């Protein structure tokens, strides 16, 4: 994604929700003739939307500020964030990402990359990755278990 539109959006992922309703094609090789996704009139999130996604993020952390802080600290320190046992809902996954990144200053938000579904943590360079199933995670990742709202390592130090 080009940085300029991401800067305009300032962390707002609403324009990308329509992609979740599309069947994503699978390619066996790199292609250069793909139709680009067009952002029409990109805008940053409204105040009420930011409040909603931040509240959702805290809810997903079971309102435990220690967990929310651990996830945020890992992100700030450049660690990968592997999320396991997440619901299949793209809406909830994007709300989690939006809520988490809304805690960052706008210029830092567009530096965070994410993948909403990967089979193996090593298969993507995205910083935030939702794993299809639990697996052995690299040492440079903080793991957030959505079902239990726990992080590994348990006490992530700043």
Protein backbone atom coordinates (compact mmCIF):
# COMPACT_ATOMS: atom_id res chain seq x y z
CA UNK A 1 0.00 0.00 0.00
CA UNK A 2 1.29 3.43 -0.89
CA UNK A 3 2.11 5.51 2.20
CA UNK A 4 0.33 8.72 1.20
CA UNK A 5 -3.22 7.26 1.32
CA UNK A 6 -2.36 5.40 4.51
CA UNK A 7 -1.27 8.73 5.98
CA UNK A 8 -4.60 10.28 5.00
CA UNK A 9 -6.44 7.41 6.67
CA UNK A 10 -4.40 7.80 9.91
CA UNK A 11 -5.20 4.25 10.99
CA UNK A 12 -8.79 4.12 9.70
CA UNK A 13 -9.31 0.66 8.18
CA UNK A 14 -13.00 1.16 7.32
CA UNK A 15 -12.33 1.55 3.55
CA UNK A 16 -10.79 -1.94 3.47
CA UNK A 17 -13.72 -3.79 5.02
CA UNK A 18 -15.29 -4.41 1.61
CA UNK A 19 -12.29 -6.57 0.71
CA UNK A 20 -13.44 -9.04 3.35
CA UNK A 21 -16.57 -9.75 1.32
CA UNK A 22 -14.60 -10.70 -1.77
CA UNK A 23 -13.27 -14.13 -2.59
CA UNK A 24 -9.52 -13.67 -2.74
CA UNK A 25 -7.87 -15.31 -5.74
CA UNK A 26 -4.94 -17.65 -5.28
CA UNK A 27 -2.05 -17.24 -7.68
CA UNK A 28 0.75 -19.69 -8.36
CA UNK A 29 3.10 -16.98 -9.58
CA UNK A 30 3.58 -13.22 -9.40
CA UNK A 31 1.28 -11.29 -11.73
CA UNK A 32 1.55 -7.75 -13.01
CA UNK A 33 -1.95 -7.38 -14.46
CA UNK A 34 -3.97 -7.13 -11.25
CA UNK A 35 -6.71 -4.53 -10.91
CA UNK A 36 -5.70 -2.02 -8.23
CA UNK A 37 -7.89 -1.41 -5.21
CA UNK A 38 -9.07 2.20 -5.38
CA UNK A 39 -9.61 4.31 -2.28
CA UNK A 40 -12.26 6.91 -3.03
CA UNK A 41 -11.94 9.99 -0.85
CA UNK A 42 -9.90 8.44 1.98
CA UNK A 43 -10.53 10.03 5.37
CA UNK A 44 -9.22 9.58 8.86
CA UNK A 45 -11.48 8.03 11.48
CA UNK A 46 -14.03 10.17 13.30
CA UNK A 47 -13.76 10.70 17.05
CA UNK A 48 -16.67 8.36 17.75
CA UNK A 49 -15.13 5.64 15.58
CA UNK A 50 -11.79 5.92 17.39
CA UNK A 51 -13.57 5.64 20.75
CA UNK A 52 -15.43 2.55 19.51
CA UNK A 53 -12.34 0.71 18.24
CA UNK A 54 -10.32 1.58 21.35
CA UNK A 55 -13.13 0.26 23.55
CA UNK A 56 -13.32 -2.90 21.44
CA UNK A 57 -9.55 -3.41 21.74
CA UNK A 58 -9.74 -3.15 25.53
CA UNK A 59 -12.73 -5.51 25.54
CA UNK A 60 -10.73 -8.05 23.48
CA UNK A 61 -8.00 -7.76 26.16
CA UNK A 62 -10.74 -8.45 28.74
CA UNK A 63 -10.25 -4.89 30.04
CA UNK A 64 -6.86 -5.89 31.42
CA UNK A 65 -4.55 -2.89 30.98
CA UNK A 66 -1.50 -5.08 31.67
CA UNK A 67 -2.34 -7.18 28.60
CA UNK A 68 -3.15 -4.13 26.46
CA UNK A 69 0.10 -2.47 27.55
CA UNK A 70 2.10 -5.65 26.86
CA UNK A 71 0.70 -5.92 23.33
CA UNK A 72 1.33 -2.21 22.69
CA UNK A 73 4.85 -2.35 24.15
CA UNK A 74 5.78 -5.26 21.91
CA UNK A 75 4.49 -3.36 18.90
CA UNK A 76 6.40 -0.20 19.81
CA UNK A 77 9.59 -2.19 20.29
CA UNK A 78 9.24 -3.68 16.82
CA UNK A 79 8.36 -7.18 17.95
CA UNK A 80 6.04 -9.30 15.86
CA UNK A 81 2.56 -9.77 17.31
CA UNK A 82 1.15 -13.25 16.68
CA UNK A 83 -2.54 -13.55 17.54
CA UNK A 84 -3.91 -17.03 18.12
CA UNK A 85 -7.45 -18.35 18.66
CA UNK A 86 -9.03 -15.25 17.14
CA UNK A 87 -12.61 -15.36 15.86
CA UNK A 88 -12.99 -15.75 12.10
CA UNK A 89 -14.70 -12.35 11.89
CA UNK A 90 -12.71 -9.94 9.73
CA UNK A 91 -14.62 -7.10 11.41
CA UNK A 92 -13.32 -8.09 14.86
CA UNK A 93 -9.80 -8.60 13.58
CA UNK A 94 -9.75 -5.17 11.93
CA UNK A 95 -11.27 -3.60 15.05
CA UNK A 96 -8.45 -5.13 17.11
CA UNK A 97 -5.82 -3.71 14.73
CA UNK A 98 -7.50 -0.30 14.59
CA UNK A 99 -7.89 -0.15 18.36
CA UNK A 100 -4.28 -1.13 18.95
CA UNK A 101 -2.84 1.22 16.35
CA UNK A 102 -5.08 4.08 17.53
CA UNK A 103 -2.93 4.11 20.66
CA UNK A 104 0.03 5.13 18.48
CA UNK A 105 0.63 8.63 17.08
CA UNK A 106 -0.70 8.95 13.49
CA UNK A 107 2.74 8.90 11.79
CA UNK A 108 3.60 5.62 13.56
CA UNK A 109 0.30 3.95 12.57
CA UNK A 110 1.22 3.72 8.92
CA UNK A 111 4.46 1.94 9.81
CA UNK A 112 2.58 -1.05 11.24
CA UNK A 113 1.90 -3.90 8.81
CA UNK A 114 -0.63 -6.65 9.35
CA UNK A 115 -2.03 -9.86 7.89
CA UNK A 116 -5.52 -10.97 8.89
CA UNK A 117 -4.84 -14.68 8.29
CA UNK A 118 -1.59 -16.61 7.91
CA UNK A 119 -0.84 -20.30 8.32
CA UNK A 120 2.69 -19.89 9.67
CA UNK A 121 4.18 -16.87 11.43
CA UNK A 122 7.40 -17.22 9.43
CA UNK A 123 5.54 -16.93 6.11
CA UNK A 124 4.91 -13.20 6.36
CA UNK A 125 6.88 -10.10 7.23
CA UNK A 126 3.77 -8.41 8.64
CA UNK A 127 4.26 -7.16 12.18
CA UNK A 128 0.74 -8.12 13.32
CA UNK A 129 -0.41 -11.53 12.13
CA UNK A 130 -3.49 -13.57 12.90
CA UNK A 131 -2.58 -17.25 12.87
CA UNK A 132 -4.99 -19.88 11.64
CA UNK A 133 -3.90 -22.23 14.43
CA UNK A 134 -1.48 -22.23 17.32
CA UNK A 135 2.09 -23.04 16.36
CA UNK A 136 5.62 -22.53 17.59
CA UNK A 137 6.30 -18.81 17.43
CA UNK A 138 9.65 -17.17 16.88
CA UNK A 139 11.38 -15.54 19.84
CA UNK A 140 10.91 -12.07 18.37
CA UNK A 141 7.11 -12.27 18.73
CA UNK A 142 4.69 -11.44 21.49
CA UNK A 143 1.82 -13.92 21.34
CA UNK A 144 -1.71 -12.78 22.20
CA UNK A 145 -4.19 -15.60 22.78
CA UNK A 146 -7.58 -14.09 21.96
CA UNK A 147 -9.62 -16.74 23.81
CA UNK A 148 -7.85 -16.30 27.13
CA UNK A 149 -6.66 -12.69 26.65
CA UNK A 150 -3.15 -13.66 27.71
CA UNK A 151 0.21 -12.74 26.27
CA UNK A 152 3.43 -14.69 26.06
CA UNK A 153 5.81 -13.81 27.54
CA UNK A 154 3.49 -13.12 30.50
CA UNK A 155 5.34 -10.05 31.73
CA UNK A 156 6.52 -8.11 28.76
CA UNK A 157 8.97 -5.51 30.04
CA UNK A 158 9.34 -2.01 28.65
